[in-house]
PDB file of N, CA and C in Angstrom:
ATOM      1  N   UNK A   1      39.129 -38.370 -40.938  1.00  0.00           N
ATOM      2  CA  UNK A   1      38.167 -37.556 -40.213  1.00  0.00           C
ATOM      3  C   UNK A   1      38.594 -36.091 -40.238  1.00  0.00           C
ATOM      4  N   UNK A   2      39.597 -35.815 -40.938  1.00  0.00           N
ATOM      5  CA  UNK A   2      40.115 -34.455 -41.055  1.00  0.00           C
ATOM      6  C   UNK A   2      39.043 -33.519 -41.597  1.00  0.00           C
ATOM      7  N   UNK A   3      38.908 -32.348 -40.991  1.00  0.00           N
ATOM      8  CA  UNK A   3      37.939 -31.371 -41.451  1.00  0.00           C
ATOM      9  C   UNK A   3      36.553 -31.569 -40.873  1.00  0.00           C
ATOM     10  N   UNK A   4      36.322 -32.688 -40.193  1.00  0.00           N
ATOM     11  CA  UNK A   4      35.001 -32.947 -39.619  1.00  0.00           C
ATOM     12  C   UNK A   4      34.798 -32.060 -38.393  1.00  0.00           C
ATOM     13  N   UNK A   5      33.573 -31.627 -38.187  1.00  0.00           N
ATOM     14  CA  UNK A   5      33.248 -30.822 -37.005  1.00  0.00           C
ATOM     15  C   UNK A   5      33.186 -31.739 -35.791  1.00  0.00           C
ATOM     16  N   UNK A   6      33.913 -31.411 -34.729  1.00  0.00           N
ATOM     17  CA  UNK A   6      33.872 -32.251 -33.526  1.00  0.00           C
ATOM     18  C   UNK A   6      32.463 -32.293 -32.933  1.00  0.00           C
ATOM     19  N   UNK A   7      32.109 -33.452 -32.419  1.00  0.00           N
ATOM     20  CA  UNK A   7      30.798 -33.617 -31.782  1.00  0.00           C
ATOM     21  C   UNK A   7      30.790 -32.958 -30.407  1.00  0.00           C
ATOM     22  N   UNK A   8      29.640 -32.395 -30.046  1.00  0.00           N
ATOM     23  CA  UNK A   8      29.406 -31.933 -28.686  1.00  0.00           C
ATOM     24  C   UNK A   8      28.589 -33.035 -28.016  1.00  0.00           C
ATOM     25  N   UNK A   9      29.206 -33.720 -27.069  1.00  0.00           N
ATOM     26  CA  UNK A   9      28.555 -34.865 -26.443  1.00  0.00           C
ATOM     27  C   UNK A   9      27.594 -34.421 -25.342  1.00  0.00           C
ATOM     28  N   UNK A  10      26.675 -35.324 -25.007  1.00  0.00           N
ATOM     29  CA  UNK A  10      25.655 -35.063 -23.997  1.00  0.00           C
ATOM     30  C   UNK A  10      25.772 -36.095 -22.885  1.00  0.00           C
ATOM     31  N   UNK A  11      25.038 -35.896 -21.819  1.00  0.00           N
ATOM     32  CA  UNK A  11      24.971 -36.838 -20.712  1.00  0.00           C
ATOM     33  C   UNK A  11      23.836 -37.826 -20.956  1.00  0.00           C
ATOM     34  N   UNK A  12      24.068 -39.078 -20.599  1.00  0.00           N
ATOM     35  CA  UNK A  12      23.014 -40.084 -20.676  1.00  0.00           C
ATOM     36  C   UNK A  12      22.346 -40.148 -19.313  1.00  0.00           C
ATOM     37  N   UNK A  13      21.122 -39.624 -19.248  1.00  0.00           N
ATOM     38  CA  UNK A  13      20.374 -39.560 -17.990  1.00  0.00           C
ATOM     39  C   UNK A  13      18.986 -40.149 -18.213  1.00  0.00           C
ATOM     40  N   UNK A  14      18.667 -41.166 -17.442  1.00  0.00           N
ATOM     41  CA  UNK A  14      17.349 -41.789 -17.550  1.00  0.00           C
ATOM     42  C   UNK A  14      17.103 -42.409 -18.916  1.00  0.00           C
ATOM     43  N   UNK A  15      18.168 -42.894 -19.553  1.00  0.00           N
ATOM     44  CA  UNK A  15      18.026 -43.550 -20.851  1.00  0.00           C
ATOM     45  C   UNK A  15      17.927 -42.579 -22.023  1.00  0.00           C
ATOM     46  N   UNK A  16      18.121 -41.284 -21.771  1.00  0.00           N
ATOM     47  CA  UNK A  16      18.037 -40.281 -22.845  1.00  0.00           C
ATOM     48  C   UNK A  16      19.318 -39.455 -22.852  1.00  0.00           C
ATOM     49  N   UNK A  17      19.711 -39.007 -24.032  1.00  0.00           N
ATOM     50  CA  UNK A  17      20.855 -38.102 -24.138  1.00  0.00           C
ATOM     51  C   UNK A  17      20.358 -36.700 -23.834  1.00  0.00           C
ATOM     52  N   UNK A  18      20.933 -36.083 -22.796  1.00  0.00           N
ATOM     53  CA  UNK A  18      20.493 -34.791 -22.301  1.00  0.00           C
ATOM     54  C   UNK A  18      21.650 -33.806 -22.382  1.00  0.00           C
ATOM     55  N   UNK A  19      21.391 -32.637 -22.946  1.00  0.00           N
ATOM     56  CA  UNK A  19      22.422 -31.622 -23.013  1.00  0.00           C
ATOM     57  C   UNK A  19      22.727 -31.117 -21.599  1.00  0.00           C
ATOM     58  N   UNK A  20      23.997 -30.942 -21.326  1.00  0.00           N
ATOM     59  CA  UNK A  20      24.420 -30.472 -20.010  1.00  0.00           C
ATOM     60  C   UNK A  20      23.949 -29.032 -19.778  1.00  0.00           C
ATOM     61  N   UNK A  21      23.683 -28.711 -18.530  1.00  0.00           N
ATOM     62  CA  UNK A  21      23.340 -27.342 -18.183  1.00  0.00           C
ATOM     63  C   UNK A  21      24.594 -26.523 -17.910  1.00  0.00           C
ATOM     64  N   UNK A  22      25.742 -27.172 -17.940  1.00  0.00           N
ATOM     65  CA  UNK A  22      27.020 -26.503 -17.708  1.00  0.00           C
ATOM     66  C   UNK A  22      27.552 -25.891 -19.009  1.00  0.00           C
ATOM     67  N   UNK A  23      28.233 -24.787 -18.876  1.00  0.00           N
ATOM     68  CA  UNK A  23      28.887 -24.169 -20.029  1.00  0.00           C
ATOM     69  C   UNK A  23      30.327 -24.634 -20.180  1.00  0.00           C
ATOM     70  N   UNK A  24      30.805 -25.407 -19.207  1.00  0.00           N
ATOM     71  CA  UNK A  24      32.198 -25.872 -19.243  1.00  0.00           C
ATOM     72  C   UNK A  24      32.296 -27.146 -20.060  1.00  0.00           C
ATOM     73  N   UNK A  25      33.333 -27.210 -20.896  1.00  0.00           N
ATOM     74  CA  UNK A  25      33.571 -28.404 -21.706  1.00  0.00           C
ATOM     75  C   UNK A  25      35.040 -28.795 -21.640  1.00  0.00           C
ATOM     76  N   UNK A  26      35.308 -30.043 -21.954  1.00  0.00           N
ATOM     77  CA  UNK A  26      36.658 -30.559 -22.064  1.00  0.00           C
ATOM     78  C   UNK A  26      36.824 -31.045 -23.502  1.00  0.00           C
ATOM     79  N   UNK A  27      37.918 -30.685 -24.119  1.00  0.00           N
ATOM     80  CA  UNK A  27      38.198 -31.098 -25.483  1.00  0.00           C
ATOM     81  C   UNK A  27      38.864 -32.470 -25.472  1.00  0.00           C
ATOM     82  N   UNK A  28      38.434 -33.366 -26.347  1.00  0.00           N
ATOM     83  CA  UNK A  28      39.007 -34.702 -26.449  1.00  0.00           C
ATOM     84  C   UNK A  28      39.823 -34.762 -27.748  1.00  0.00           C
ATOM     85  N   UNK A  29      41.156 -34.844 -27.621  1.00  0.00           N
ATOM     86  CA  UNK A  29      41.982 -34.883 -28.824  1.00  0.00           C
ATOM     87  C   UNK A  29      42.225 -36.308 -29.300  1.00  0.00           C
ATOM     88  N   UNK A  30      42.469 -36.429 -30.599  1.00  0.00           N
ATOM     89  CA  UNK A  30      42.906 -37.697 -31.171  1.00  0.00           C
ATOM     90  C   UNK A  30      44.396 -37.819 -30.823  1.00  0.00           C
ATOM     91  N   UNK A  31      44.798 -38.853 -30.092  1.00  0.00           N
ATOM     92  CA  UNK A  31      46.187 -38.951 -29.675  1.00  0.00           C
ATOM     93  C   UNK A  31      47.158 -39.153 -30.847  1.00  0.00           C
ATOM     94  N   UNK A  32      46.650 -39.618 -31.965  1.00  0.00           N
ATOM     95  CA  UNK A  32      47.512 -39.866 -33.113  1.00  0.00           C
ATOM     96  C   UNK A  32      47.915 -38.586 -33.831  1.00  0.00           C
ATOM     97  N   UNK A  33      46.989 -37.615 -33.902  1.00  0.00           N
ATOM     98  CA  UNK A  33      47.301 -36.420 -34.693  1.00  0.00           C
ATOM     99  C   UNK A  33      46.935 -35.102 -34.006  1.00  0.00           C
ATOM    100  N   UNK A  34      46.339 -35.175 -32.820  1.00  0.00           N
ATOM    101  CA  UNK A  34      45.996 -33.967 -32.087  1.00  0.00           C
ATOM    102  C   UNK A  34      44.705 -33.291 -32.518  1.00  0.00           C
ATOM    103  N   UNK A  35      44.058 -33.790 -33.566  1.00  0.00           N
ATOM    104  CA  UNK A  35      42.776 -33.207 -33.992  1.00  0.00           C
ATOM    105  C   UNK A  35      41.728 -33.397 -32.905  1.00  0.00           C
ATOM    106  N   UNK A  36      40.818 -32.443 -32.806  1.00  0.00           N
ATOM    107  CA  UNK A  36      39.751 -32.534 -31.806  1.00  0.00           C
ATOM    108  C   UNK A  36      38.697 -33.521 -32.279  1.00  0.00           C
ATOM    109  N   UNK A  37      38.430 -34.529 -31.445  1.00  0.00           N
ATOM    110  CA  UNK A  37      37.404 -35.537 -31.750  1.00  0.00           C
ATOM    111  C   UNK A  37      36.037 -35.114 -31.248  1.00  0.00           C
ATOM    112  N   UNK A  38      36.006 -34.547 -30.041  1.00  0.00           N
ATOM    113  CA  UNK A  38      34.720 -34.219 -29.429  1.00  0.00           C
ATOM    114  C   UNK A  38      34.931 -33.212 -28.303  1.00  0.00           C
ATOM    115  N   UNK A  39      33.819 -32.663 -27.865  1.00  0.00           N
ATOM    116  CA  UNK A  39      33.787 -31.801 -26.680  1.00  0.00           C
ATOM    117  C   UNK A  39      32.826 -32.461 -25.696  1.00  0.00           C
ATOM    118  N   UNK A  40      33.298 -32.721 -24.491  1.00  0.00           N
ATOM    119  CA  UNK A  40      32.460 -33.349 -23.476  1.00  0.00           C
ATOM    120  C   UNK A  40      32.129 -32.353 -22.376  1.00  0.00           C
ATOM    121  N   UNK A  41      30.927 -32.423 -21.826  1.00  0.00           N
ATOM    122  CA  UNK A  41      30.557 -31.470 -20.783  1.00  0.00           C
ATOM    123  C   UNK A  41      31.257 -31.785 -19.463  1.00  0.00           C
ATOM    124  N   UNK A  42      31.578 -30.747 -18.740  1.00  0.00           N
ATOM    125  CA  UNK A  42      32.028 -30.880 -17.349  1.00  0.00           C
ATOM    126  C   UNK A  42      30.762 -30.630 -16.532  1.00  0.00           C
ATOM    127  N   UNK A  43      30.115 -31.705 -16.174  1.00  0.00           N
ATOM    128  CA  UNK A  43      28.805 -31.617 -15.543  1.00  0.00           C
ATOM    129  C   UNK A  43      28.864 -30.860 -14.228  1.00  0.00           C
ATOM    130  N   UNK A  44      27.780 -30.169 -13.941  1.00  0.00           N
ATOM    131  CA  UNK A  44      27.679 -29.392 -12.715  1.00  0.00           C
ATOM    132  C   UNK A  44      26.683 -30.060 -11.758  1.00  0.00           C
ATOM    133  N   UNK A  45      26.435 -29.419 -10.637  1.00  0.00           N
ATOM    134  CA  UNK A  45      25.543 -29.991  -9.625  1.00  0.00           C
ATOM    135  C   UNK A  45      24.147 -30.268 -10.181  1.00  0.00           C
ATOM    136  N   UNK A  46      23.634 -29.388 -11.005  1.00  0.00           N
ATOM    137  CA  UNK A  46      22.293 -29.592 -11.565  1.00  0.00           C
ATOM    138  C   UNK A  46      22.253 -30.862 -12.419  1.00  0.00           C
ATOM    139  N   UNK A  47      23.278 -31.069 -13.253  1.00  0.00           N
ATOM    140  CA  UNK A  47      23.343 -32.292 -14.063  1.00  0.00           C
ATOM    141  C   UNK A  47      23.389 -33.536 -13.175  1.00  0.00           C
ATOM    142  N   UNK A  48      24.208 -33.462 -12.142  1.00  0.00           N
ATOM    143  CA  UNK A  48      24.355 -34.599 -11.240  1.00  0.00           C
ATOM    144  C   UNK A  48      23.048 -34.873 -10.500  1.00  0.00           C
ATOM    145  N   UNK A  49      22.383 -33.820 -10.051  1.00  0.00           N
ATOM    146  CA  UNK A  49      21.096 -34.003  -9.360  1.00  0.00           C
ATOM    147  C   UNK A  49      20.059 -34.650 -10.285  1.00  0.00           C
ATOM    148  N   UNK A  50      20.043 -34.265 -11.565  1.00  0.00           N
ATOM    149  CA  UNK A  50      19.122 -34.883 -12.529  1.00  0.00           C
ATOM    150  C   UNK A  50      19.438 -36.369 -12.704  1.00  0.00           C
ATOM    151  N   UNK A  51      20.726 -36.704 -12.759  1.00  0.00           N
ATOM    152  CA  UNK A  51      21.131 -38.100 -12.908  1.00  0.00           C
ATOM    153  C   UNK A  51      20.749 -38.915 -11.678  1.00  0.00           C
ATOM    154  N   UNK A  52      20.951 -38.353 -10.510  1.00  0.00           N
ATOM    155  CA  UNK A  52      20.594 -39.045  -9.262  1.00  0.00           C
ATOM    156  C   UNK A  52      19.096 -39.272  -9.180  1.00  0.00           C
ATOM    157  N   UNK A  53      18.321 -38.250  -9.533  1.00  0.00           N
ATOM    158  CA  UNK A  53      16.862 -38.373  -9.520  1.00  0.00           C
ATOM    159  C   UNK A  53      16.401 -39.483 -10.470  1.00  0.00           C
ATOM    160  N   UNK A  54      16.981 -39.524 -11.663  1.00  0.00           N
ATOM    161  CA  UNK A  54      16.621 -40.561 -12.640  1.00  0.00           C
ATOM    162  C   UNK A  54      17.024 -41.945 -12.133  1.00  0.00           C
ATOM    163  N   UNK A  55      18.192 -42.047 -11.501  1.00  0.00           N
ATOM    164  CA  UNK A  55      18.655 -43.337 -10.985  1.00  0.00           C
ATOM    165  C   UNK A  55      17.766 -43.819  -9.838  1.00  0.00           C
ATOM    166  N   UNK A  56      17.364 -42.905  -8.965  1.00  0.00           N
ATOM    167  CA  UNK A  56      16.478 -43.288  -7.855  1.00  0.00           C
ATOM    168  C   UNK A  56      15.134 -43.780  -8.369  1.00  0.00           C
ATOM    169  N   UNK A  57      14.603 -43.099  -9.385  1.00  0.00           N
ATOM    170  CA  UNK A  57      13.329 -43.518  -9.980  1.00  0.00           C
ATOM    171  C   UNK A  57      13.465 -44.886 -10.635  1.00  0.00           C
ATOM    172  N   UNK A  58      14.540 -45.065 -11.383  1.00  0.00           N
ATOM    173  CA  UNK A  58      14.761 -46.354 -12.051  1.00  0.00           C
ATOM    174  C   UNK A  58      14.935 -47.472 -11.036  1.00  0.00           C
ATOM    175  N   UNK A  59      15.639 -47.193  -9.958  1.00  0.00           N
ATOM    176  CA  UNK A  59      15.853 -48.215  -8.931  1.00  0.00           C
ATOM    177  C   UNK A  59      14.541 -48.652  -8.302  1.00  0.00           C
ATOM    178  N   UNK A  60      13.659 -47.695  -8.017  1.00  0.00           N
ATOM    179  CA  UNK A  60      12.363 -48.044  -7.421  1.00  0.00           C
ATOM    180  C   UNK A  60      11.610 -49.035  -8.319  1.00  0.00           C
ATOM    181  N   UNK A  61      11.646 -48.817  -9.619  1.00  0.00           N
ATOM    182  CA  UNK A  61      10.953 -49.717 -10.552  1.00  0.00           C
ATOM    183  C   UNK A  61      11.732 -51.012 -10.732  1.00  0.00           C
ATOM    184  N   UNK A  62      13.028 -50.896 -10.950  1.00  0.00           N
ATOM    185  CA  UNK A  62      13.892 -52.036 -11.228  1.00  0.00           C
ATOM    186  C   UNK A  62      13.968 -52.998 -10.049  1.00  0.00           C
ATOM    187  N   UNK A  63      13.964 -52.468  -8.834  1.00  0.00           N
ATOM    188  CA  UNK A  63      14.136 -53.316  -7.651  1.00  0.00           C
ATOM    189  C   UNK A  63      12.924 -54.218  -7.387  1.00  0.00           C
ATOM    190  N   UNK A  64      11.836 -53.977  -8.079  1.00  0.00           N
ATOM    191  CA  UNK A  64      10.643 -54.817  -7.913  1.00  0.00           C
ATOM    192  C   UNK A  64      10.780 -56.149  -8.672  1.00  0.00           C
ATOM    193  N   UNK A  65      11.746 -56.232  -9.570  1.00  0.00           N
ATOM    194  CA  UNK A  65      11.960 -57.440 -10.354  1.00  0.00           C
ATOM    195  C   UNK A  65      12.940 -58.363  -9.643  1.00  0.00           C
ATOM    196  N   UNK A  66      12.737 -59.658  -9.793  1.00  0.00           N
ATOM    197  CA  UNK A  66      13.672 -60.615  -9.209  1.00  0.00           C
ATOM    198  C   UNK A  66      14.980 -60.589 -10.001  1.00  0.00           C
ATOM    199  N   UNK A  67      16.007 -61.169  -9.414  1.00  0.00           N
ATOM    200  CA  UNK A  67      17.297 -61.221 -10.097  1.00  0.00           C
ATOM    201  C   UNK A  67      17.145 -61.925 -11.447  1.00  0.00           C
ATOM    202  N   UNK A  68      16.382 -62.966 -11.484  1.00  0.00           N
ATOM    203  CA  UNK A  68      16.176 -63.715 -12.724  1.00  0.00           C
ATOM    204  C   UNK A  68      15.491 -62.849 -13.787  1.00  0.00           C
ATOM    205  N   UNK A  69      14.510 -62.037 -13.387  1.00  0.00           N
ATOM    206  CA  UNK A  69      13.788 -61.177 -14.335  1.00  0.00           C
ATOM    207  C   UNK A  69      14.674 -60.042 -14.858  1.00  0.00           C
ATOM    208  N   UNK A  70      15.621 -59.583 -14.043  1.00  0.00           N
ATOM    209  CA  UNK A  70      16.500 -58.499 -14.455  1.00  0.00           C
ATOM    210  C   UNK A  70      17.392 -58.974 -15.552  1.00  0.00           C
TER     211      UNK A  70
END
């Protein structure tokens, strides 16, 4: 994987990959050689609020199904 451009990862919110609104990132190194594998967002309050809103919406729909249907 040498020479490959590290991926910029996104947040999974409401079943979709969403780019973070935060400018802060954390670098993920390969422990074997130190090469950068990816950059992950350090999510902020806006990202978290979007995730909570999506989870609340999903719960309202999901909770209508019986355990067997889930």
